[in-house]
Amino acid sequence: MNRRKFIKTVSQIMIAWGLSPKLAFASETNKILSGKFFIDGKEAELNFQDLNNSTIETKDEKSIIKVKDDFYLIRPETKLQFVSKNFLKVIKGSVHAVFGKRQEELNVEIPHGTIGIRGTSIFIDIEPKQNRSYFCNCYGETVLYDKKGNLLETVVSYGHESGALTEDGKFKRYGINYLKNIYALRHPKIFDEEMEKVGCIVENSHCTLK
């Protein structure tokens, strides 16, 4: 019996017993550390299943979640998309994501281009009114591409290198034009404080649970 048939059979038995298959097959490495979020419109369990081809979103409160070796601080009214268990798209809102080391580049699509992740910490804040996507390479190395897949810039940082991908397909470094985005200005301090509250040790914008 293959795995899919096995899971289906066990699920049917558990339903007959009045138990929840979702809880049985939840991943111990996926956890809600704070708040709540929704997977394809349904509120996620504390130890939720792998995010395989799923859209996740927050509503009126933020959520901090751990997915495998990655951490996400997701602001309210944010929508993200996962494909084949990988975080691949920011549809709207804001997220601070910390990625574990990986061999292959992970490409994350945003409204104004694509970010190539190579094991780092990033902050993204979609700004529809300004028609731009604020971006911070908080630690490590990322590669920025425009909507057509052309290389814009490679950003290497051991602090916080920030700017925005704009409607004209360029990456503009952080400057006076972005000072109105108060959350973006303060996101390093906010991230450290929020992650420490949920039991993380934070170093160089990366997290490990105590």
N, C-alpha and C. Protein backbone atom coordinates (compact mmCIF):
# COMPACT_ATOMS: atom_id res chain seq x y z
N MET A 1 0.85 -1.20 0.00
CA MET A 1 0.00 0.00 0.00
C MET A 1 0.89 1.25 0.00
N ASN A 2 0.64 2.17 -0.97
CA ASN A 2 1.46 3.37 -1.01
C ASN A 2 1.02 4.35 0.08
N ARG A 3 1.82 5.42 0.27
CA ARG A 3 1.59 6.35 1.38
C ARG A 3 0.23 7.03 1.28
N ARG A 4 -0.14 7.46 0.05
CA ARG A 4 -1.42 8.16 -0.12
C ARG A 4 -2.59 7.29 0.29
N LYS A 5 -2.57 6.02 -0.16
CA LYS A 5 -3.66 5.10 0.19
C LYS A 5 -3.67 4.81 1.68
N PHE A 6 -2.44 4.71 2.26
CA PHE A 6 -2.34 4.46 3.70
C PHE A 6 -2.98 5.60 4.49
N ILE A 7 -2.62 6.84 4.14
CA ILE A 7 -3.16 8.01 4.84
C ILE A 7 -4.68 8.07 4.68
N LYS A 8 -5.16 7.79 3.47
CA LYS A 8 -6.60 7.83 3.23
C LYS A 8 -7.33 6.79 4.08
N THR A 9 -6.76 5.59 4.15
CA THR A 9 -7.37 4.51 4.93
C THR A 9 -7.39 4.85 6.42
N VAL A 10 -6.24 5.32 6.92
CA VAL A 10 -6.15 5.68 8.34
C VAL A 10 -7.10 6.84 8.65
N SER A 11 -7.20 7.81 7.74
CA SER A 11 -8.09 8.95 7.94
C SER A 11 -9.54 8.49 8.06
N GLN A 12 -9.94 7.57 7.19
CA GLN A 12 -11.31 7.06 7.23
C GLN A 12 -11.60 6.36 8.56
N ILE A 13 -10.62 5.61 9.05
CA ILE A 13 -10.79 4.92 10.33
C ILE A 13 -10.91 5.93 11.47
N MET A 14 -10.05 6.97 11.44
CA MET A 14 -10.06 7.96 12.49
C MET A 14 -11.37 8.75 12.51
N ILE A 15 -11.89 9.07 11.33
CA ILE A 15 -13.17 9.77 11.25
C ILE A 15 -14.28 8.91 11.85
N ALA A 16 -14.22 7.63 11.56
CA ALA A 16 -15.23 6.71 12.11
C ALA A 16 -15.14 6.65 13.63
N TRP A 17 -13.93 6.86 14.17
CA TRP A 17 -13.73 6.85 15.62
C TRP A 17 -13.98 8.23 16.24
N GLY A 18 -14.28 9.22 15.40
CA GLY A 18 -14.52 10.57 15.90
C GLY A 18 -13.26 11.34 16.19
N LEU A 19 -12.14 10.95 15.57
CA LEU A 19 -10.87 11.64 15.77
C LEU A 19 -10.55 12.53 14.57
N SER A 20 -9.56 13.40 14.73
CA SER A 20 -9.20 14.35 13.69
C SER A 20 -7.96 13.90 12.93
N PRO A 21 -8.09 13.55 11.64
CA PRO A 21 -6.91 13.20 10.84
C PRO A 21 -5.93 14.34 10.72
N LYS A 22 -6.42 15.61 10.71
CA LYS A 22 -5.53 16.76 10.57
C LYS A 22 -4.50 16.80 11.69
N LEU A 23 -4.97 16.50 12.91
CA LEU A 23 -4.05 16.52 14.04
C LEU A 23 -3.06 15.36 13.96
N ALA A 24 -3.53 14.20 13.48
CA ALA A 24 -2.67 13.02 13.42
C ALA A 24 -1.53 13.21 12.43
N PHE A 25 -1.81 13.88 11.32
CA PHE A 25 -0.81 14.04 10.28
C PHE A 25 -0.15 15.42 10.30
N ALA A 26 -0.40 16.18 11.36
CA ALA A 26 0.25 17.49 11.48
C ALA A 26 1.76 17.31 11.67
N SER A 27 2.51 18.26 11.23
CA SER A 27 3.96 18.18 11.34
C SER A 27 4.42 18.81 12.65
N GLU A 28 5.27 18.09 13.39
CA GLU A 28 5.79 18.62 14.65
C GLU A 28 6.75 19.78 14.42
N THR A 29 7.25 19.92 13.20
CA THR A 29 8.18 21.01 12.92
C THR A 29 7.47 22.27 12.47
N ASN A 30 6.15 22.20 12.27
CA ASN A 30 5.36 23.38 11.92
C ASN A 30 4.57 23.82 13.15
N LYS A 31 4.77 25.06 13.58
CA LYS A 31 4.13 25.51 14.81
C LYS A 31 3.67 26.95 14.71
N ILE A 32 2.53 27.23 15.35
CA ILE A 32 2.13 28.63 15.56
C ILE A 32 2.76 29.07 16.87
N LEU A 33 3.60 30.09 16.82
CA LEU A 33 4.25 30.60 18.02
C LEU A 33 3.48 31.75 18.64
N SER A 34 2.66 32.43 17.81
CA SER A 34 1.87 33.56 18.30
C SER A 34 0.76 33.86 17.31
N GLY A 35 -0.39 34.30 17.84
CA GLY A 35 -1.49 34.72 16.98
C GLY A 35 -2.17 33.57 16.27
N LYS A 36 -2.85 33.87 15.17
CA LYS A 36 -3.49 32.85 14.37
C LYS A 36 -3.45 33.24 12.90
N PHE A 37 -3.53 32.22 12.05
CA PHE A 37 -3.57 32.47 10.61
C PHE A 37 -4.46 31.41 9.97
N PHE A 38 -4.70 31.57 8.67
CA PHE A 38 -5.65 30.72 7.97
C PHE A 38 -4.98 30.07 6.77
N ILE A 39 -5.25 28.79 6.59
CA ILE A 39 -4.73 28.03 5.45
C ILE A 39 -5.90 27.75 4.51
N ASP A 40 -5.84 28.32 3.31
CA ASP A 40 -6.92 28.16 2.33
C ASP A 40 -8.29 28.47 2.96
N GLY A 41 -8.33 29.54 3.76
CA GLY A 41 -9.58 30.01 4.34
C GLY A 41 -9.97 29.39 5.67
N LYS A 42 -9.25 28.36 6.12
CA LYS A 42 -9.59 27.69 7.38
C LYS A 42 -8.51 27.98 8.43
N GLU A 43 -8.96 28.26 9.65
CA GLU A 43 -8.02 28.57 10.72
C GLU A 43 -7.08 27.40 10.96
N ALA A 44 -5.78 27.69 11.05
CA ALA A 44 -4.76 26.65 11.20
C ALA A 44 -4.72 26.11 12.63
N GLU A 45 -4.41 24.82 12.74
CA GLU A 45 -4.20 24.20 14.05
C GLU A 45 -2.84 24.64 14.61
N LEU A 46 -2.66 24.45 15.91
CA LEU A 46 -1.42 24.85 16.58
C LEU A 46 -0.20 24.20 15.92
N ASN A 47 -0.27 22.90 15.69
CA ASN A 47 0.75 22.17 14.92
C ASN A 47 0.11 21.81 13.58
N PHE A 48 0.34 22.64 12.59
CA PHE A 48 -0.39 22.50 11.34
C PHE A 48 0.37 21.62 10.34
N GLN A 49 -0.37 21.20 9.32
CA GLN A 49 0.20 20.35 8.29
C GLN A 49 1.19 21.12 7.42
N ASP A 50 1.96 20.40 6.62
CA ASP A 50 2.86 21.04 5.67
C ASP A 50 2.07 21.93 4.72
N LEU A 51 2.63 23.09 4.41
CA LEU A 51 1.95 24.06 3.55
C LEU A 51 2.24 23.71 2.09
N ASN A 52 1.54 22.69 1.61
CA ASN A 52 1.78 22.18 0.27
C ASN A 52 0.75 22.75 -0.69
N ASN A 53 1.19 23.67 -1.58
CA ASN A 53 0.28 24.32 -2.54
C ASN A 53 -0.88 24.99 -1.80
N SER A 54 -0.52 25.84 -0.85
CA SER A 54 -1.52 26.49 0.01
C SER A 54 -1.37 28.00 -0.02
N THR A 55 -2.49 28.70 0.19
CA THR A 55 -2.46 30.13 0.40
C THR A 55 -2.74 30.38 1.87
N ILE A 56 -1.87 31.12 2.53
CA ILE A 56 -2.08 31.41 3.95
C ILE A 56 -2.28 32.91 4.11
N GLU A 57 -3.06 33.27 5.13
CA GLU A 57 -3.30 34.70 5.34
C GLU A 57 -3.61 34.99 6.80
N THR A 58 -3.31 36.21 7.19
CA THR A 58 -3.72 36.71 8.49
C THR A 58 -4.85 37.70 8.26
N LYS A 59 -5.63 37.91 9.30
CA LYS A 59 -6.74 38.87 9.19
C LYS A 59 -6.45 40.09 10.05
N ASP A 60 -7.06 40.19 11.23
CA ASP A 60 -6.91 41.42 12.01
C ASP A 60 -5.82 41.34 13.07
N GLU A 61 -5.01 40.27 13.06
CA GLU A 61 -3.90 40.18 14.01
C GLU A 61 -2.70 39.53 13.34
N LYS A 62 -1.52 39.84 13.87
CA LYS A 62 -0.30 39.25 13.32
C LYS A 62 -0.16 37.81 13.79
N SER A 63 0.73 37.09 13.13
CA SER A 63 1.01 35.72 13.53
C SER A 63 2.49 35.43 13.34
N ILE A 64 3.05 34.67 14.26
CA ILE A 64 4.43 34.21 14.12
C ILE A 64 4.38 32.69 14.00
N ILE A 65 4.96 32.16 12.93
CA ILE A 65 4.90 30.72 12.71
C ILE A 65 6.28 30.18 12.36
N LYS A 66 6.45 28.90 12.66
CA LYS A 66 7.67 28.17 12.27
C LYS A 66 7.26 27.11 11.26
N VAL A 67 7.91 27.10 10.12
CA VAL A 67 7.65 26.10 9.08
C VAL A 67 8.97 25.40 8.77
N LYS A 68 9.09 24.15 9.21
CA LYS A 68 10.36 23.43 9.11
C LYS A 68 11.46 24.23 9.81
N ASP A 69 12.48 24.67 9.05
CA ASP A 69 13.58 25.43 9.64
C ASP A 69 13.44 26.93 9.43
N ASP A 70 12.29 27.36 8.92
CA ASP A 70 12.08 28.78 8.61
C ASP A 70 11.09 29.42 9.59
N PHE A 71 11.27 30.72 9.83
CA PHE A 71 10.38 31.46 10.71
C PHE A 71 9.74 32.61 9.93
N TYR A 72 8.47 32.92 10.27
CA TYR A 72 7.76 34.01 9.60
C TYR A 72 7.03 34.86 10.64
N LEU A 73 7.31 36.15 10.64
CA LEU A 73 6.52 37.11 11.40
C LEU A 73 5.62 37.79 10.37
N ILE A 74 4.33 37.47 10.43
CA ILE A 74 3.39 37.90 9.40
C ILE A 74 2.47 38.96 9.98
N ARG A 75 2.47 40.13 9.38
CA ARG A 75 1.64 41.23 9.87
C ARG A 75 0.17 40.99 9.51
N PRO A 76 -0.76 41.73 10.15
CA PRO A 76 -2.18 41.60 9.81
C PRO A 76 -2.44 41.91 8.33
N GLU A 77 -3.52 41.31 7.82
CA GLU A 77 -3.97 41.55 6.44
C GLU A 77 -2.88 41.22 5.42
N THR A 78 -2.24 40.08 5.65
CA THR A 78 -1.18 39.63 4.74
C THR A 78 -1.58 38.30 4.12
N LYS A 79 -1.21 38.11 2.86
CA LYS A 79 -1.52 36.87 2.15
C LYS A 79 -0.25 36.37 1.46
N LEU A 80 0.10 35.10 1.72
CA LEU A 80 1.30 34.47 1.16
C LEU A 80 0.91 33.18 0.47
N GLN A 81 1.71 32.77 -0.48
CA GLN A 81 1.42 31.54 -1.21
C GLN A 81 2.60 30.58 -1.12
N PHE A 82 2.30 29.31 -0.83
CA PHE A 82 3.31 28.26 -0.80
C PHE A 82 3.04 27.29 -1.95
N VAL A 83 4.09 26.87 -2.62
CA VAL A 83 3.97 25.90 -3.71
C VAL A 83 4.98 24.79 -3.47
N SER A 84 4.48 23.55 -3.48
CA SER A 84 5.35 22.39 -3.21
C SER A 84 6.14 22.57 -1.92
N LYS A 85 5.43 23.05 -0.88
CA LYS A 85 5.97 23.22 0.47
C LYS A 85 6.95 24.37 0.61
N ASN A 86 7.15 25.16 -0.44
CA ASN A 86 8.07 26.29 -0.37
C ASN A 86 7.32 27.61 -0.44
N PHE A 87 7.78 28.58 0.33
CA PHE A 87 7.23 29.93 0.29
C PHE A 87 7.64 30.57 -1.03
N LEU A 88 6.65 30.93 -1.88
CA LEU A 88 7.00 31.38 -3.21
C LEU A 88 6.37 32.71 -3.63
N LYS A 89 5.46 33.28 -2.83
CA LYS A 89 4.83 34.51 -3.31
C LYS A 89 4.26 35.33 -2.17
N VAL A 90 4.48 36.65 -2.21
CA VAL A 90 3.80 37.58 -1.32
C VAL A 90 2.73 38.26 -2.15
N ILE A 91 1.48 37.99 -1.84
CA ILE A 91 0.37 38.55 -2.61
C ILE A 91 0.04 39.95 -2.11
N LYS A 92 0.01 40.10 -0.78
CA LYS A 92 -0.22 41.42 -0.19
C LYS A 92 0.28 41.42 1.24
N GLY A 93 0.46 42.63 1.79
CA GLY A 93 0.82 42.74 3.20
C GLY A 93 2.31 42.79 3.44
N SER A 94 2.72 42.24 4.58
CA SER A 94 4.09 42.37 5.04
C SER A 94 4.54 41.13 5.81
N VAL A 95 5.77 40.71 5.58
CA VAL A 95 6.30 39.54 6.27
C VAL A 95 7.80 39.71 6.50
N HIS A 96 8.24 39.28 7.67
CA HIS A 96 9.67 39.17 7.97
C HIS A 96 9.95 37.69 8.03
N ALA A 97 10.77 37.19 7.11
CA ALA A 97 11.02 35.75 7.00
C ALA A 97 12.48 35.43 7.25
N VAL A 98 12.72 34.36 7.99
CA VAL A 98 14.07 33.89 8.27
C VAL A 98 14.20 32.49 7.71
N PHE A 99 15.15 32.30 6.81
CA PHE A 99 15.28 31.03 6.11
C PHE A 99 16.52 30.27 6.58
N GLY A 100 16.35 28.96 6.75
CA GLY A 100 17.49 28.11 7.03
C GLY A 100 18.34 27.96 5.78
N LYS A 101 19.54 27.43 5.94
CA LYS A 101 20.44 27.26 4.80
C LYS A 101 19.84 26.28 3.81
N ARG A 102 20.04 26.57 2.52
CA ARG A 102 19.52 25.71 1.46
C ARG A 102 20.52 25.65 0.33
N GLN A 103 20.53 24.55 -0.40
CA GLN A 103 21.49 24.37 -1.49
C GLN A 103 21.06 25.13 -2.74
N GLU A 104 19.75 25.15 -3.03
CA GLU A 104 19.27 25.80 -4.23
C GLU A 104 18.60 27.13 -3.89
N GLU A 105 18.72 28.08 -4.79
CA GLU A 105 18.10 29.38 -4.59
C GLU A 105 16.58 29.27 -4.58
N LEU A 106 15.96 29.87 -3.58
CA LEU A 106 14.51 29.91 -3.48
C LEU A 106 14.02 31.24 -4.02
N ASN A 107 13.19 31.20 -5.07
CA ASN A 107 12.70 32.42 -5.69
C ASN A 107 11.33 32.79 -5.13
N VAL A 108 11.24 33.97 -4.53
CA VAL A 108 10.00 34.47 -3.94
C VAL A 108 9.48 35.62 -4.80
N GLU A 109 8.27 35.44 -5.32
CA GLU A 109 7.69 36.46 -6.20
C GLU A 109 6.98 37.54 -5.38
N ILE A 110 7.22 38.79 -5.75
CA ILE A 110 6.51 39.92 -5.17
C ILE A 110 5.92 40.72 -6.32
N PRO A 111 5.00 41.66 -6.07
CA PRO A 111 4.34 42.35 -7.18
C PRO A 111 5.27 43.04 -8.17
N HIS A 112 6.47 43.43 -7.73
CA HIS A 112 7.35 44.20 -8.61
C HIS A 112 8.61 43.46 -9.01
N GLY A 113 8.64 42.15 -8.82
CA GLY A 113 9.81 41.39 -9.23
C GLY A 113 9.93 40.08 -8.47
N THR A 114 11.15 39.59 -8.34
CA THR A 114 11.41 38.32 -7.68
C THR A 114 12.67 38.46 -6.82
N ILE A 115 12.63 37.82 -5.65
CA ILE A 115 13.76 37.82 -4.73
C ILE A 115 14.33 36.41 -4.66
N GLY A 116 15.62 36.26 -4.95
CA GLY A 116 16.28 34.97 -4.85
C GLY A 116 16.91 34.79 -3.48
N ILE A 117 16.42 33.82 -2.73
CA ILE A 117 16.85 33.60 -1.35
C ILE A 117 17.95 32.56 -1.31
N ARG A 118 18.99 32.84 -0.57
CA ARG A 118 20.10 31.90 -0.43
C ARG A 118 20.43 31.64 1.04
N GLY A 119 19.38 31.54 1.85
CA GLY A 119 19.57 31.29 3.27
C GLY A 119 19.87 32.55 4.02
N THR A 120 18.84 33.32 4.33
CA THR A 120 19.07 34.63 4.93
C THR A 120 17.82 35.07 5.67
N SER A 121 17.81 36.33 6.10
CA SER A 121 16.66 36.94 6.74
C SER A 121 16.24 38.15 5.91
N ILE A 122 14.95 38.21 5.53
CA ILE A 122 14.47 39.31 4.70
C ILE A 122 13.19 39.90 5.28
N PHE A 123 12.94 41.14 4.93
CA PHE A 123 11.70 41.81 5.29
C PHE A 123 11.07 42.37 4.01
N ILE A 124 9.78 42.11 3.82
CA ILE A 124 9.05 42.58 2.63
C ILE A 124 7.79 43.29 3.09
N ASP A 125 7.54 44.45 2.53
CA ASP A 125 6.32 45.19 2.83
C ASP A 125 5.76 45.75 1.52
N ILE A 126 4.65 45.19 1.07
CA ILE A 126 4.04 45.62 -0.18
C ILE A 126 3.32 46.95 0.05
N GLU A 127 3.63 47.95 -0.78
CA GLU A 127 3.06 49.29 -0.64
C GLU A 127 2.25 49.64 -1.90
N PRO A 128 1.00 49.19 -1.96
CA PRO A 128 0.21 49.39 -3.19
C PRO A 128 -0.05 50.86 -3.52
N LYS A 129 -0.21 51.70 -2.53
CA LYS A 129 -0.47 53.12 -2.80
C LYS A 129 0.73 53.79 -3.49
N GLN A 130 1.93 53.35 -3.15
CA GLN A 130 3.14 53.90 -3.75
C GLN A 130 3.59 53.08 -4.97
N ASN A 131 2.87 51.98 -5.22
CA ASN A 131 3.19 51.07 -6.33
C ASN A 131 4.65 50.61 -6.27
N ARG A 132 5.03 50.07 -5.13
CA ARG A 132 6.38 49.56 -4.94
C ARG A 132 6.36 48.46 -3.88
N SER A 133 7.44 47.71 -3.83
CA SER A 133 7.60 46.65 -2.84
C SER A 133 8.85 46.94 -2.02
N TYR A 134 8.65 47.35 -0.77
CA TYR A 134 9.78 47.64 0.12
C TYR A 134 10.47 46.32 0.46
N PHE A 135 11.79 46.36 0.49
CA PHE A 135 12.55 45.14 0.73
C PHE A 135 13.77 45.46 1.59
N CYS A 136 14.06 44.56 2.54
CA CYS A 136 15.28 44.67 3.34
C CYS A 136 15.98 43.32 3.37
N ASN A 137 17.23 43.32 2.98
CA ASN A 137 18.08 42.15 3.17
C ASN A 137 18.70 42.29 4.56
N CYS A 138 18.09 41.62 5.53
CA CYS A 138 18.47 41.84 6.93
C CYS A 138 19.78 41.16 7.31
N TYR A 139 20.11 40.09 6.62
CA TYR A 139 21.37 39.40 6.88
C TYR A 139 21.55 38.34 5.82
N GLY A 140 22.75 38.26 5.25
CA GLY A 140 23.04 37.23 4.26
C GLY A 140 23.07 37.76 2.84
N GLU A 141 22.65 36.93 1.89
CA GLU A 141 22.72 37.29 0.47
C GLU A 141 21.40 37.03 -0.23
N THR A 142 20.95 38.00 -1.00
CA THR A 142 19.76 37.83 -1.83
C THR A 142 20.05 38.38 -3.22
N VAL A 143 19.29 37.89 -4.18
CA VAL A 143 19.43 38.34 -5.56
C VAL A 143 18.09 38.91 -6.00
N LEU A 144 18.09 40.08 -6.62
CA LEU A 144 16.86 40.74 -7.02
C LEU A 144 16.70 40.70 -8.54
N TYR A 145 15.50 40.34 -8.99
CA TYR A 145 15.19 40.28 -10.41
C TYR A 145 13.97 41.16 -10.69
N ASP A 146 13.88 41.69 -11.90
CA ASP A 146 12.68 42.44 -12.27
C ASP A 146 11.58 41.47 -12.72
N LYS A 147 10.45 41.99 -13.18
CA LYS A 147 9.31 41.16 -13.55
C LYS A 147 9.62 40.21 -14.71
N LYS A 148 10.59 40.60 -15.54
CA LYS A 148 10.95 39.78 -16.70
C LYS A 148 12.04 38.76 -16.38
N GLY A 149 12.49 38.77 -15.14
CA GLY A 149 13.53 37.83 -14.74
C GLY A 149 14.94 38.32 -14.95
N ASN A 150 15.10 39.60 -15.31
CA ASN A 150 16.43 40.16 -15.49
C ASN A 150 17.07 40.49 -14.14
N LEU A 151 18.35 40.20 -14.01
CA LEU A 151 19.06 40.48 -12.76
C LEU A 151 19.18 41.97 -12.53
N LEU A 152 18.73 42.42 -11.37
CA LEU A 152 18.85 43.82 -11.00
C LEU A 152 20.07 44.06 -10.12
N GLU A 153 20.20 43.22 -9.09
CA GLU A 153 21.27 43.47 -8.13
C GLU A 153 21.42 42.28 -7.19
N THR A 154 22.62 42.05 -6.74
CA THR A 154 22.89 41.08 -5.67
C THR A 154 23.19 41.88 -4.40
N VAL A 155 22.45 41.57 -3.35
CA VAL A 155 22.60 42.33 -2.10
C VAL A 155 23.20 41.41 -1.05
N VAL A 156 24.36 41.80 -0.53
CA VAL A 156 25.01 41.06 0.56
C VAL A 156 25.07 41.97 1.77
N SER A 157 24.60 41.47 2.90
CA SER A 157 24.51 42.33 4.07
C SER A 157 24.77 41.56 5.35
N TYR A 158 25.45 42.22 6.29
CA TYR A 158 25.60 41.70 7.65
C TYR A 158 24.95 42.67 8.63
N GLY A 159 24.00 43.43 8.11
CA GLY A 159 23.22 44.35 8.90
C GLY A 159 21.86 44.47 8.25
N HIS A 160 21.52 45.64 7.75
CA HIS A 160 20.22 45.84 7.10
C HIS A 160 20.39 46.73 5.88
N GLU A 161 20.31 46.10 4.69
CA GLU A 161 20.39 46.83 3.43
C GLU A 161 18.99 46.87 2.84
N SER A 162 18.43 48.06 2.67
CA SER A 162 17.03 48.14 2.28
C SER A 162 16.81 49.10 1.13
N GLY A 163 15.62 48.96 0.54
CA GLY A 163 15.22 49.80 -0.58
C GLY A 163 13.88 49.33 -1.09
N ALA A 164 13.60 49.55 -2.36
CA ALA A 164 12.31 49.15 -2.91
C ALA A 164 12.44 48.77 -4.37
N LEU A 165 11.68 47.74 -4.75
CA LEU A 165 11.50 47.43 -6.16
C LEU A 165 10.32 48.26 -6.63
N THR A 166 10.52 49.03 -7.67
CA THR A 166 9.53 50.03 -8.08
C THR A 166 8.82 49.64 -9.37
N GLU A 167 7.80 50.43 -9.72
CA GLU A 167 6.98 50.14 -10.89
C GLU A 167 7.76 50.22 -12.19
N ASP A 168 8.87 50.95 -12.21
CA ASP A 168 9.67 51.06 -13.42
C ASP A 168 10.72 49.95 -13.54
N GLY A 169 10.59 48.92 -12.68
CA GLY A 169 11.45 47.75 -12.79
C GLY A 169 12.86 47.95 -12.27
N LYS A 170 13.03 48.84 -11.29
CA LYS A 170 14.34 49.10 -10.73
C LYS A 170 14.35 48.87 -9.23
N PHE A 171 15.55 48.70 -8.68
CA PHE A 171 15.72 48.63 -7.23
C PHE A 171 16.37 49.92 -6.77
N LYS A 172 15.65 50.66 -5.94
CA LYS A 172 16.16 51.94 -5.45
C LYS A 172 16.50 51.80 -3.98
N ARG A 173 17.70 52.20 -3.64
CA ARG A 173 18.16 52.09 -2.26
C ARG A 173 17.31 52.93 -1.32
N TYR A 174 17.31 52.53 -0.07
CA TYR A 174 16.55 53.23 0.95
C TYR A 174 16.94 54.70 1.00
N GLY A 175 15.93 55.57 1.07
CA GLY A 175 16.22 57.00 1.12
C GLY A 175 15.07 57.77 1.75
N ILE A 176 15.11 59.05 1.61
CA ILE A 176 14.15 59.93 2.26
C ILE A 176 12.71 59.64 1.82
N ASN A 177 12.53 59.09 0.61
CA ASN A 177 11.18 58.80 0.10
C ASN A 177 10.47 57.72 0.88
N TYR A 178 11.22 56.94 1.68
CA TYR A 178 10.62 55.82 2.39
C TYR A 178 10.43 56.09 3.88
N LEU A 179 10.70 57.29 4.32
CA LEU A 179 10.65 57.58 5.74
C LEU A 179 9.25 57.53 6.33
N LYS A 180 8.21 57.61 5.50
CA LYS A 180 6.84 57.56 5.99
C LYS A 180 6.42 56.15 6.40
N ASN A 181 7.16 55.14 5.96
CA ASN A 181 6.85 53.77 6.32
C ASN A 181 7.50 53.47 7.68
N ILE A 182 6.79 53.85 8.74
CA ILE A 182 7.35 53.76 10.10
C ILE A 182 7.64 52.31 10.49
N TYR A 183 6.74 51.40 10.12
CA TYR A 183 6.96 49.99 10.47
C TYR A 183 8.23 49.48 9.80
N ALA A 184 8.43 49.86 8.54
CA ALA A 184 9.64 49.43 7.83
C ALA A 184 10.88 49.99 8.50
N LEU A 185 10.82 51.23 8.94
CA LEU A 185 11.95 51.84 9.63
C LEU A 185 12.33 51.08 10.89
N ARG A 186 11.32 50.62 11.60
CA ARG A 186 11.55 50.01 12.91
C ARG A 186 11.56 48.48 12.88
N HIS A 187 11.45 47.89 11.69
CA HIS A 187 11.25 46.43 11.65
C HIS A 187 12.37 45.61 12.29
N PRO A 188 13.65 46.02 12.26
CA PRO A 188 14.67 45.20 12.92
C PRO A 188 14.43 45.07 14.43
N LYS A 189 14.13 46.18 15.08
CA LYS A 189 13.89 46.18 16.52
C LYS A 189 12.59 45.43 16.84
N ILE A 190 11.55 45.66 16.04
CA ILE A 190 10.27 44.99 16.24
C ILE A 190 10.44 43.49 16.12
N PHE A 191 11.18 43.06 15.11
CA PHE A 191 11.40 41.63 14.89
C PHE A 191 12.10 40.99 16.08
N ASP A 192 13.19 41.59 16.54
CA ASP A 192 13.92 41.04 17.68
C ASP A 192 13.02 40.91 18.90
N GLU A 193 12.27 41.95 19.19
CA GLU A 193 11.40 41.95 20.38
C GLU A 193 10.30 40.91 20.27
N GLU A 194 9.64 40.84 19.12
CA GLU A 194 8.53 39.91 18.95
C GLU A 194 9.00 38.45 18.98
N MET A 195 10.15 38.17 18.38
CA MET A 195 10.65 36.79 18.36
C MET A 195 11.12 36.36 19.74
N GLU A 196 11.70 37.27 20.50
CA GLU A 196 12.13 36.94 21.86
C GLU A 196 10.93 36.64 22.76
N LYS A 197 9.81 37.34 22.51
CA LYS A 197 8.59 37.11 23.30
C LYS A 197 8.07 35.69 23.16
N VAL A 198 8.26 35.08 21.97
CA VAL A 198 7.72 33.74 21.74
C VAL A 198 8.76 32.65 22.01
N GLY A 199 9.88 33.04 22.63
CA GLY A 199 10.85 32.04 23.08
C GLY A 199 12.00 31.78 22.14
N CYS A 200 12.32 32.75 21.29
CA CYS A 200 13.44 32.57 20.36
C CYS A 200 14.69 33.28 20.87
N ILE A 201 15.82 32.71 20.53
CA ILE A 201 17.10 33.39 20.69
C ILE A 201 17.40 34.02 19.33
N VAL A 202 17.58 35.33 19.30
CA VAL A 202 17.78 36.05 18.06
C VAL A 202 19.23 36.52 17.95
N GLU A 203 19.85 36.16 16.84
CA GLU A 203 21.22 36.60 16.58
C GLU A 203 21.37 36.84 15.09
N ASN A 204 21.85 38.02 14.72
CA ASN A 204 22.03 38.38 13.31
C ASN A 204 20.74 38.17 12.51
N SER A 205 19.62 38.58 13.09
CA SER A 205 18.30 38.47 12.46
C SER A 205 17.89 37.04 12.17
N HIS A 206 18.50 36.09 12.83
CA HIS A 206 18.11 34.68 12.72
C HIS A 206 17.63 34.18 14.07
N CYS A 207 16.86 33.10 14.07
CA CYS A 207 16.19 32.63 15.28
C CYS A 207 16.46 31.16 15.54
N THR A 208 16.54 30.83 16.81
CA THR A 208 16.50 29.44 17.25
C THR A 208 15.61 29.41 18.47
N LEU A 209 14.78 28.38 18.57
CA LEU A 209 13.90 28.25 19.73
C LEU A 209 14.71 27.79 20.93
N LYS A 210 14.40 28.36 22.10
CA LYS A 210 15.09 27.98 23.33
C LYS A 210 14.76 26.54 23.71
